[in-house]
Every structure is written in C-alpha cells, then in structure tokens.
C-alpha cells in the first residue's frame, strides 16, 4: 500500500518508534531539572530535544546529543530574544 511521497506501509512501520519523541522529551526535561534548570528552561530544552529526535530512523540514532540541542536553542529565537536560559 503506497502513501504520500511513495512511502509504503512497510517503510512507515519500519521507520517509526511511536512515542520516542515524547519519551526523549520526558528524559531531557528530568535531566535538565536535575541540573537545576528552571521549569521553563527545562521545558524549552526538552521540547527542542524531542523535536530533534524526529530527524532520523530507529530508536537510538536520532536521539540528539546535548551539544546539538544547545546549538538548536541558540539558533532559535526566544520570547526574550536570546538563547537558552
């Protein structure tokens, strides 16, 4: 069964991990709280980590490293107009 952009049911099933981004978000949030980040900073970091974790296939390889999350946070504008924190 072919879908959008030529994806088949088989490739979709083999290339997704369901709640992986939600799980990554939870772990990233808890990790940042353990590092004494504020709730808002930990939530922003976790959301970014979850978004980055959707950029790959499988369960482990797309998990972003802390440096990649920080780089993405610095590159993105915030309501305060500066990077993370």
N, C-alpha and C. Protein backbone atom coordinates (compact mmCIF):
# COMPACT_ATOMS: atom_id res chain seq x y z
N UNK A 1 0.85 -1.17 0.00
CA UNK A 1 0.00 0.00 0.00
C UNK A 1 0.90 1.24 0.00
N UNK A 2 0.86 2.02 -1.07
CA UNK A 2 1.70 3.22 -1.18
C UNK A 2 0.97 4.43 -0.62
N UNK A 3 1.72 5.31 0.01
CA UNK A 3 1.15 6.52 0.60
C UNK A 3 1.81 7.75 0.02
N UNK A 4 1.79 8.82 0.77
CA UNK A 4 2.35 10.10 0.34
C UNK A 4 3.84 9.96 0.09
N UNK A 5 4.32 10.62 -0.92
CA UNK A 5 5.75 10.67 -1.28
C UNK A 5 6.32 9.28 -1.51
N UNK A 6 5.50 8.33 -1.95
CA UNK A 6 5.98 7.00 -2.27
C UNK A 6 6.24 6.10 -1.08
N UNK A 7 5.92 6.56 0.12
CA UNK A 7 6.13 5.73 1.31
C UNK A 7 5.12 4.60 1.29
N UNK A 8 5.57 3.44 1.68
CA UNK A 8 4.66 2.30 1.78
C UNK A 8 4.37 2.03 3.24
N UNK A 9 3.36 1.26 3.49
CA UNK A 9 3.03 0.89 4.86
C UNK A 9 4.23 0.22 5.52
N UNK A 10 4.95 -0.58 4.74
CA UNK A 10 6.13 -1.28 5.27
C UNK A 10 7.21 -0.29 5.71
N UNK A 11 7.53 0.72 4.90
CA UNK A 11 8.59 1.67 5.27
C UNK A 11 8.15 2.54 6.44
N UNK A 12 6.89 2.88 6.51
CA UNK A 12 6.41 3.69 7.64
C UNK A 12 6.51 2.89 8.93
N UNK A 13 6.08 1.63 8.90
CA UNK A 13 6.14 0.79 10.09
C UNK A 13 7.58 0.57 10.53
N UNK A 14 8.51 0.40 9.61
CA UNK A 14 9.89 0.12 9.95
C UNK A 14 10.68 1.36 10.36
N UNK A 15 10.16 2.56 10.11
CA UNK A 15 10.96 3.75 10.36
C UNK A 15 10.39 4.65 11.44
N UNK A 16 9.47 4.15 12.23
CA UNK A 16 8.92 4.95 13.31
C UNK A 16 9.08 4.24 14.64
N UNK A 17 9.08 5.01 15.70
CA UNK A 17 9.19 4.40 17.03
C UNK A 17 8.10 4.91 17.95
N UNK A 18 6.99 5.27 17.39
CA UNK A 18 5.81 5.70 18.15
C UNK A 18 6.11 6.85 19.09
N UNK A 19 6.17 6.58 20.37
CA UNK A 19 6.31 7.64 21.37
C UNK A 19 7.74 8.02 21.69
N UNK A 20 8.66 7.76 20.81
CA UNK A 20 10.05 8.06 21.08
C UNK A 20 10.31 9.52 21.39
N UNK A 21 9.69 10.41 20.64
CA UNK A 21 9.94 11.84 20.89
C UNK A 21 9.37 12.26 22.23
N UNK A 22 8.24 11.70 22.63
CA UNK A 22 7.67 12.01 23.94
C UNK A 22 8.55 11.49 25.06
N UNK A 23 9.08 10.30 24.87
CA UNK A 23 9.98 9.72 25.87
C UNK A 23 11.26 10.54 25.97
N UNK A 24 11.81 10.94 24.82
CA UNK A 24 13.02 11.77 24.83
C UNK A 24 12.75 13.10 25.51
N UNK A 25 11.57 13.65 25.29
CA UNK A 25 11.19 14.91 25.91
C UNK A 25 11.16 14.75 27.43
N UNK A 26 10.58 13.69 27.92
CA UNK A 26 10.49 13.44 29.36
C UNK A 26 11.86 13.29 29.98
N UNK A 27 12.72 12.50 29.34
CA UNK A 27 14.06 12.30 29.88
C UNK A 27 14.87 13.59 29.86
N UNK A 28 14.77 14.34 28.78
CA UNK A 28 15.51 15.60 28.69
C UNK A 28 15.02 16.58 29.75
N UNK A 29 13.72 16.64 29.96
CA UNK A 29 13.15 17.53 30.96
C UNK A 29 13.68 17.18 32.36
N UNK A 30 13.63 15.91 32.70
CA UNK A 30 14.12 15.47 34.01
C UNK A 30 15.62 15.72 34.17
N UNK A 31 16.37 15.46 33.12
CA UNK A 31 17.81 15.69 33.18
C UNK A 31 18.13 17.16 33.44
N UNK A 32 17.40 18.07 32.76
CA UNK A 32 17.66 19.49 32.95
C UNK A 32 17.23 19.94 34.35
N UNK A 33 16.16 19.37 34.88
CA UNK A 33 15.77 19.70 36.26
C UNK A 33 16.84 19.24 37.25
N UNK A 34 17.42 18.07 37.00
CA UNK A 34 18.48 17.58 37.87
C UNK A 34 19.73 18.46 37.80
N UNK A 35 19.86 19.19 36.69
CA UNK A 35 20.98 20.13 36.55
C UNK A 35 20.61 21.52 37.05
N UNK A 36 19.48 21.60 37.77
CA UNK A 36 19.00 22.83 38.40
C UNK A 36 18.53 23.91 37.43
N UNK A 37 18.09 23.52 36.23
CA UNK A 37 17.45 24.49 35.33
C UNK A 37 16.08 24.85 35.89
N UNK A 38 15.59 26.03 35.54
CA UNK A 38 14.22 26.40 35.91
C UNK A 38 13.25 25.52 35.13
N UNK A 39 12.00 25.49 35.56
CA UNK A 39 10.99 24.71 34.84
C UNK A 39 10.87 25.15 33.39
N UNK A 40 10.85 26.46 33.16
CA UNK A 40 10.70 26.98 31.80
C UNK A 40 11.89 26.61 30.92
N UNK A 41 13.09 26.72 31.46
CA UNK A 41 14.29 26.39 30.69
C UNK A 41 14.34 24.90 30.41
N UNK A 42 14.01 24.08 31.41
CA UNK A 42 14.00 22.63 31.21
C UNK A 42 12.94 22.23 30.18
N UNK A 43 11.79 22.87 30.21
CA UNK A 43 10.73 22.56 29.25
C UNK A 43 11.14 22.95 27.83
N UNK A 44 11.78 24.09 27.68
CA UNK A 44 12.23 24.54 26.35
C UNK A 44 13.29 23.59 25.81
N UNK A 45 14.23 23.20 26.64
CA UNK A 45 15.27 22.25 26.25
C UNK A 45 14.64 20.92 25.84
N UNK A 46 13.70 20.43 26.65
CA UNK A 46 13.06 19.14 26.38
C UNK A 46 12.27 19.17 25.07
N UNK A 47 11.56 20.25 24.82
CA UNK A 47 10.79 20.37 23.58
C UNK A 47 11.72 20.35 22.37
N UNK A 48 12.84 21.04 22.50
CA UNK A 48 13.82 21.06 21.41
C UNK A 48 14.42 19.67 21.20
N UNK A 49 14.77 18.99 22.27
CA UNK A 49 15.32 17.64 22.17
C UNK A 49 14.32 16.70 21.51
N UNK A 50 13.06 16.81 21.88
CA UNK A 50 12.03 15.96 21.28
C UNK A 50 11.88 16.25 19.79
N UNK A 51 11.91 17.52 19.42
CA UNK A 51 11.79 17.88 18.01
C UNK A 51 12.98 17.34 17.22
N UNK A 52 14.17 17.49 17.75
CA UNK A 52 15.36 16.98 17.05
C UNK A 52 15.34 15.46 16.94
N UNK A 53 14.74 14.78 17.89
CA UNK A 53 14.73 13.32 17.87
C UNK A 53 13.85 12.74 16.77
N UNK A 54 13.09 13.58 16.10
CA UNK A 54 12.26 13.09 14.98
C UNK A 54 13.02 13.12 13.66
N UNK A 55 14.26 13.58 13.67
CA UNK A 55 15.06 13.72 12.45
C UNK A 55 15.91 12.50 12.14
N UNK A 56 15.34 11.33 12.18
CA UNK A 56 16.09 10.13 11.87
C UNK A 56 15.21 8.90 11.97
N UNK A 57 15.82 7.75 11.70
CA UNK A 57 15.10 6.48 11.76
C UNK A 57 15.61 5.65 12.92
N UNK A 58 14.74 4.87 13.49
CA UNK A 58 15.12 3.99 14.57
C UNK A 58 14.87 4.61 15.92
N UNK A 59 15.29 3.91 16.95
CA UNK A 59 15.01 4.35 18.31
C UNK A 59 16.19 5.07 18.96
N UNK A 60 17.40 4.77 18.54
CA UNK A 60 18.56 5.33 19.23
C UNK A 60 19.28 6.39 18.42
N UNK A 61 19.54 6.13 17.16
CA UNK A 61 20.36 7.05 16.36
C UNK A 61 19.82 8.48 16.29
N UNK A 62 18.51 8.72 16.29
CA UNK A 62 18.05 10.11 16.23
C UNK A 62 18.04 10.86 17.56
N UNK A 63 18.39 10.20 18.66
CA UNK A 63 18.43 10.91 19.95
C UNK A 63 19.53 11.97 19.88
N UNK A 64 19.18 13.23 20.07
CA UNK A 64 20.19 14.28 19.92
C UNK A 64 21.13 14.35 21.12
N UNK A 65 22.36 14.69 20.86
CA UNK A 65 23.34 14.94 21.91
C UNK A 65 23.06 16.32 22.51
N UNK A 66 23.52 16.55 23.72
CA UNK A 66 23.29 17.84 24.39
C UNK A 66 23.81 19.00 23.56
N UNK A 67 24.97 18.81 22.91
CA UNK A 67 25.55 19.90 22.11
C UNK A 67 24.63 20.28 20.94
N UNK A 68 23.98 19.29 20.34
CA UNK A 68 23.07 19.57 19.22
C UNK A 68 21.84 20.32 19.71
N UNK A 69 21.34 19.96 20.88
CA UNK A 69 20.18 20.66 21.44
C UNK A 69 20.55 22.10 21.76
N UNK A 70 21.69 22.30 22.41
CA UNK A 70 22.12 23.66 22.75
C UNK A 70 22.33 24.51 21.50
N UNK A 71 22.91 23.92 20.47
CA UNK A 71 23.12 24.62 19.21
C UNK A 71 21.79 25.06 18.60
N UNK A 72 20.81 24.16 18.61
CA UNK A 72 19.50 24.48 18.07
C UNK A 72 18.81 25.56 18.90
N UNK A 73 18.96 25.50 20.21
CA UNK A 73 18.35 26.51 21.08
C UNK A 73 18.98 27.89 20.84
N UNK A 74 20.28 27.92 20.68
CA UNK A 74 20.96 29.19 20.44
C UNK A 74 20.55 29.78 19.09
N UNK A 75 20.35 28.90 18.10
CA UNK A 75 19.98 29.35 16.76
C UNK A 75 18.53 29.80 16.65
N UNK A 76 17.68 29.38 17.59
CA UNK A 76 16.26 29.73 17.50
C UNK A 76 15.94 30.95 18.37
N UNK A 77 15.10 31.82 17.88
CA UNK A 77 14.73 32.98 18.68
C UNK A 77 13.84 32.57 19.85
N UNK A 78 13.90 33.32 20.91
CA UNK A 78 13.05 33.08 22.08
C UNK A 78 12.22 34.31 22.33
N UNK A 79 11.28 34.21 23.23
CA UNK A 79 10.46 35.37 23.56
C UNK A 79 11.30 36.45 24.21
N UNK A 80 12.40 36.07 24.85
CA UNK A 80 13.28 37.05 25.47
C UNK A 80 14.33 37.56 24.49
N UNK A 81 14.43 36.91 23.33
CA UNK A 81 15.35 37.36 22.31
C UNK A 81 16.77 36.84 22.46
N UNK A 82 16.99 35.84 23.32
CA UNK A 82 18.33 35.28 23.47
C UNK A 82 18.25 33.77 23.46
N UNK A 83 19.39 33.12 23.57
CA UNK A 83 19.46 31.67 23.53
C UNK A 83 18.89 31.03 24.78
N UNK A 84 19.36 29.82 25.11
CA UNK A 84 18.81 29.10 26.26
C UNK A 84 19.08 29.81 27.57
N UNK A 85 18.18 29.59 28.49
CA UNK A 85 18.36 30.12 29.84
C UNK A 85 17.89 31.50 29.93
